[in-house]
């Protein structure tokens, strides 16, 4: 998707706290094989992110969440999540968390970006995006 639409949108992948580190309660095989433990400092988090980018041959720009995990908390991103942020700062797409929301999220982003490319106008917010924004706003007020 990055290659397909990088001419009309900015993309960022954000590396957050490792969801299935080798030393976690729910380790995944890749983490065990690669020796990916839960990072305890920012340097280690950056090193792991760089290794994953290299191994997966990722070319999309990556940002790395701080050790305070503020981005992860703000977007409820663990273990993975897809968002499209409009130029006005509102969400155009807010996919569900976890593996079940990833593919539908990519599909929604693809649809949004295709329409944007064709019309040169940002599509109106979907009902899902509006609901996600309202939920996020309620959380901020608490």
C-alpha atoms as a PDB file:
ATOM      1  CA  UNK A   1       0.000   0.000   0.000  1.00  0.00           C
ATOM      2  CA  UNK A   2       2.873   2.340   0.789  1.00  0.00           C
ATOM      3  CA  UNK A   3       4.308   1.842  -2.693  1.00  0.00           C
ATOM      4  CA  UNK A   4       0.869   2.210  -4.281  1.00  0.00           C
ATOM      5  CA  UNK A   5      -0.133   5.470  -2.585  1.00  0.00           C
ATOM      6  CA  UNK A   6       3.029   7.192  -1.365  1.00  0.00           C
ATOM      7  CA  UNK A   7       2.522   9.811  -4.069  1.00  0.00           C
ATOM      8  CA  UNK A   8      -0.759  10.989  -2.475  1.00  0.00           C
ATOM      9  CA  UNK A   9      -0.260  10.316   1.250  1.00  0.00           C
ATOM     10  CA  UNK A  10       2.385  10.224   3.942  1.00  0.00           C
ATOM     11  CA  UNK A  11       2.841   6.867   5.618  1.00  0.00           C
ATOM     12  CA  UNK A  12       4.378   6.052   8.977  1.00  0.00           C
ATOM     13  CA  UNK A  13       4.760   2.762  10.739  1.00  0.00           C
ATOM     14  CA  UNK A  14       5.153   3.123  14.481  1.00  0.00           C
ATOM     15  CA  UNK A  15       7.074   0.477  16.359  1.00  0.00           C
ATOM     16  CA  UNK A  16       5.502   0.090  19.791  1.00  0.00           C
ATOM     17  CA  UNK A  17       6.078  -2.134  22.792  1.00  0.00           C
ATOM     18  CA  UNK A  18       6.717  -5.688  21.599  1.00  0.00           C
ATOM     19  CA  UNK A  19       3.432  -7.574  21.901  1.00  0.00           C
ATOM     20  CA  UNK A  20       4.851 -11.094  21.905  1.00  0.00           C
ATOM     21  CA  UNK A  21       8.437 -10.810  23.138  1.00  0.00           C
ATOM     22  CA  UNK A  22      10.394 -13.975  23.893  1.00  0.00           C
ATOM     23  CA  UNK A  23      10.356 -13.134  27.603  1.00  0.00           C
ATOM     24  CA  UNK A  24       6.636 -12.281  27.725  1.00  0.00           C
ATOM     25  CA  UNK A  25       3.684 -14.324  28.946  1.00  0.00           C
ATOM     26  CA  UNK A  26       2.629 -14.928  25.329  1.00  0.00           C
ATOM     27  CA  UNK A  27       5.821 -15.307  23.264  1.00  0.00           C
ATOM     28  CA  UNK A  28       5.688 -15.883  19.536  1.00  0.00           C
ATOM     29  CA  UNK A  29       8.094 -18.131  17.659  1.00  0.00           C
ATOM     30  CA  UNK A  30       9.651 -15.281  15.666  1.00  0.00           C
ATOM     31  CA  UNK A  31      10.558 -13.454  18.899  1.00  0.00           C
ATOM     32  CA  UNK A  32      12.095 -16.563  20.418  1.00  0.00           C
ATOM     33  CA  UNK A  33      14.067 -17.342  17.241  1.00  0.00           C
ATOM     34  CA  UNK A  34      15.321 -13.749  16.907  1.00  0.00           C
ATOM     35  CA  UNK A  35      15.937 -13.270  20.625  1.00  0.00           C
ATOM     36  CA  UNK A  36      13.528 -10.344  20.802  1.00  0.00           C
ATOM     37  CA  UNK A  37      12.896  -9.642  24.469  1.00  0.00           C
ATOM     38  CA  UNK A  38      10.782  -6.829  25.845  1.00  0.00           C
ATOM     39  CA  UNK A  39      12.970  -3.760  25.519  1.00  0.00           C
ATOM     40  CA  UNK A  40      13.930  -1.982  28.730  1.00  0.00           C
ATOM     41  CA  UNK A  41      15.491   1.072  27.089  1.00  0.00           C
ATOM     42  CA  UNK A  42      14.984   3.170  23.974  1.00  0.00           C
ATOM     43  CA  UNK A  43      18.272   2.129  22.357  1.00  0.00           C
ATOM     44  CA  UNK A  44      17.214  -1.534  22.433  1.00  0.00           C
ATOM     45  CA  UNK A  45      13.769  -0.654  21.057  1.00  0.00           C
ATOM     46  CA  UNK A  46      15.416   1.204  18.158  1.00  0.00           C
ATOM     47  CA  UNK A  47      17.805  -1.687  17.512  1.00  0.00           C
ATOM     48  CA  UNK A  48      14.913  -4.163  17.326  1.00  0.00           C
ATOM     49  CA  UNK A  49      12.906  -1.873  15.038  1.00  0.00           C
ATOM     50  CA  UNK A  50      15.880  -1.474  12.685  1.00  0.00           C
ATOM     51  CA  UNK A  51      16.441  -5.242  12.619  1.00  0.00           C
ATOM     52  CA  UNK A  52      12.796  -5.874  11.733  1.00  0.00           C
ATOM     53  CA  UNK A  53      12.870  -3.223   8.999  1.00  0.00           C
ATOM     54  CA  UNK A  54      15.977  -4.789   7.498  1.00  0.00           C
ATOM     55  CA  UNK A  55      14.722  -8.385   7.696  1.00  0.00           C
ATOM     56  CA  UNK A  56      11.291  -7.526   6.272  1.00  0.00           C
ATOM     57  CA  UNK A  57      12.826  -5.165   3.687  1.00  0.00           C
ATOM     58  CA  UNK A  58      10.478  -2.384   4.757  1.00  0.00           C
ATOM     59  CA  UNK A  59      10.885   0.956   3.019  1.00  0.00           C
ATOM     60  CA  UNK A  60       8.057   2.855   4.714  1.00  0.00           C
ATOM     61  CA  UNK A  61       9.330   5.424   7.231  1.00  0.00           C
ATOM     62  CA  UNK A  62       9.174   4.135  10.803  1.00  0.00           C
ATOM     63  CA  UNK A  63       8.758   6.037  14.031  1.00  0.00           C
ATOM     64  CA  UNK A  64       9.494   4.461  17.390  1.00  0.00           C
ATOM     65  CA  UNK A  65       7.271   4.923  20.417  1.00  0.00           C
ATOM     66  CA  UNK A  66       9.045   6.113  23.545  1.00  0.00           C
ATOM     67  CA  UNK A  67       9.547   3.937  26.576  1.00  0.00           C
ATOM     68  CA  UNK A  68       6.551   5.671  28.160  1.00  0.00           C
ATOM     69  CA  UNK A  69       4.457   4.006  25.409  1.00  0.00           C
ATOM     70  CA  UNK A  70       2.393   7.171  24.901  1.00  0.00           C
ATOM     71  CA  UNK A  71       1.602   6.497  21.231  1.00  0.00           C
ATOM     72  CA  UNK A  72       0.525   2.952  22.001  1.00  0.00           C
ATOM     73  CA  UNK A  73      -1.724   4.208  24.805  1.00  0.00           C
ATOM     74  CA  UNK A  74      -3.152   7.125  22.803  1.00  0.00           C
ATOM     75  CA  UNK A  75      -4.115   4.941  19.851  1.00  0.00           C
ATOM     76  CA  UNK A  76      -4.782   1.700  21.728  1.00  0.00           C
ATOM     77  CA  UNK A  77      -2.464   0.114  19.197  1.00  0.00           C
ATOM     78  CA  UNK A  78      -1.235  -3.106  20.817  1.00  0.00           C
ATOM     79  CA  UNK A  79      -0.657  -5.490  19.093  1.00  0.00           C
ATOM     80  CA  UNK A  80      -1.301  -3.741  15.766  1.00  0.00           C
ATOM     81  CA  UNK A  81      -3.709  -1.251  14.314  1.00  0.00           C
ATOM     82  CA  UNK A  82      -4.294   0.775  11.148  1.00  0.00           C
ATOM     83  CA  UNK A  83      -5.242   4.454  11.129  1.00  0.00           C
ATOM     84  CA  UNK A  84      -5.668   7.032   8.414  1.00  0.00           C
ATOM     85  CA  UNK A  85      -5.402  10.599   9.651  1.00  0.00           C
ATOM     86  CA  UNK A  86      -6.879  13.287   7.428  1.00  0.00           C
ATOM     87  CA  UNK A  87      -5.102  16.579   6.782  1.00  0.00           C
ATOM     88  CA  UNK A  88      -7.502  18.260   9.231  1.00  0.00           C
ATOM     89  CA  UNK A  89      -6.303  15.898  11.979  1.00  0.00           C
ATOM     90  CA  UNK A  90      -9.496  13.846  12.148  1.00  0.00           C
ATOM     91  CA  UNK A  91      -9.509  10.108  11.601  1.00  0.00           C
ATOM     92  CA  UNK A  92     -10.538   8.920   8.161  1.00  0.00           C
ATOM     93  CA  UNK A  93     -10.106   5.258   9.117  1.00  0.00           C
ATOM     94  CA  UNK A  94      -9.709   3.706  12.561  1.00  0.00           C
ATOM     95  CA  UNK A  95      -9.437  -0.059  12.228  1.00  0.00           C
ATOM     96  CA  UNK A  96     -10.142  -2.465  15.046  1.00  0.00           C
ATOM     97  CA  UNK A  97      -7.193  -3.633  17.132  1.00  0.00           C
ATOM     98  CA  UNK A  98      -5.343  -6.832  16.691  1.00  0.00           C
ATOM     99  CA  UNK A  99      -5.016  -9.235  13.854  1.00  0.00           C
ATOM    100  CA  UNK A 100      -8.781  -9.289  13.196  1.00  0.00           C
ATOM    101  CA  UNK A 101      -8.821  -5.548  12.422  1.00  0.00           C
ATOM    102  CA  UNK A 102      -5.658  -5.314  10.357  1.00  0.00           C
ATOM    103  CA  UNK A 103      -6.819  -6.595   6.952  1.00  0.00           C
ATOM    104  CA  UNK A 104     -10.207  -4.815   7.088  1.00  0.00           C
ATOM    105  CA  UNK A 105      -8.320  -1.670   8.111  1.00  0.00           C
ATOM    106  CA  UNK A 106      -5.989  -1.930   5.134  1.00  0.00           C
ATOM    107  CA  UNK A 107      -8.996  -2.461   2.862  1.00  0.00           C
ATOM    108  CA  UNK A 108     -10.704   0.657   4.255  1.00  0.00           C
ATOM    109  CA  UNK A 109      -7.538   2.731   3.846  1.00  0.00           C
ATOM    110  CA  UNK A 110      -7.111   1.482   0.281  1.00  0.00           C
ATOM    111  CA  UNK A 111     -10.695   2.490  -0.523  1.00  0.00           C
ATOM    112  CA  UNK A 112     -10.237   5.928   1.088  1.00  0.00           C
ATOM    113  CA  UNK A 113      -6.957   6.626  -0.723  1.00  0.00           C
ATOM    114  CA  UNK A 114      -8.329   5.411  -4.058  1.00  0.00           C
ATOM    115  CA  UNK A 115     -11.262   7.809  -3.752  1.00  0.00           C
ATOM    116  CA  UNK A 116      -8.932  10.610  -2.705  1.00  0.00           C
ATOM    117  CA  UNK A 117      -6.656  10.001  -5.687  1.00  0.00           C
ATOM    118  CA  UNK A 118      -9.610   9.975  -8.091  1.00  0.00           C
ATOM    119  CA  UNK A 119     -11.469  12.999  -6.721  1.00  0.00           C
ATOM    120  CA  UNK A 120      -8.610  15.057  -5.232  1.00  0.00           C
ATOM    121  CA  UNK A 121     -10.918  15.569  -2.218  1.00  0.00           C
ATOM    122  CA  UNK A 122     -10.727  13.868   1.136  1.00  0.00           C
ATOM    123  CA  UNK A 123     -13.661  11.483   1.515  1.00  0.00           C
ATOM    124  CA  UNK A 124     -16.145  12.272   4.252  1.00  0.00           C
ATOM    125  CA  UNK A 125     -15.620  10.504   7.516  1.00  0.00           C
ATOM    126  CA  UNK A 126     -17.211   7.085   7.753  1.00  0.00           C
ATOM    127  CA  UNK A 127     -19.599   6.227  10.558  1.00  0.00           C
ATOM    128  CA  UNK A 128     -16.892   3.937  11.959  1.00  0.00           C
ATOM    129  CA  UNK A 129     -14.386   6.786  12.053  1.00  0.00           C
ATOM    130  CA  UNK A 130     -16.889   9.109  13.705  1.00  0.00           C
ATOM    131  CA  UNK A 131     -17.680   6.485  16.355  1.00  0.00           C
ATOM    132  CA  UNK A 132     -13.973   5.930  17.014  1.00  0.00           C
ATOM    133  CA  UNK A 133     -13.407   9.674  17.367  1.00  0.00           C
ATOM    134  CA  UNK A 134     -16.304   9.993  19.817  1.00  0.00           C
ATOM    135  CA  UNK A 135     -14.992   7.065  21.843  1.00  0.00           C
ATOM    136  CA  UNK A 136     -11.512   8.579  21.928  1.00  0.00           C
ATOM    137  CA  UNK A 137     -12.917  11.939  23.030  1.00  0.00           C
ATOM    138  CA  UNK A 138     -14.861  10.331  25.881  1.00  0.00           C
ATOM    139  CA  UNK A 139     -11.687   8.553  27.012  1.00  0.00           C
ATOM    140  CA  UNK A 140      -9.761  11.860  27.051  1.00  0.00           C
ATOM    141  CA  UNK A 141     -12.396  13.506  29.259  1.00  0.00           C
ATOM    142  CA  UNK A 142     -12.161  10.818  31.963  1.00  0.00           C
END
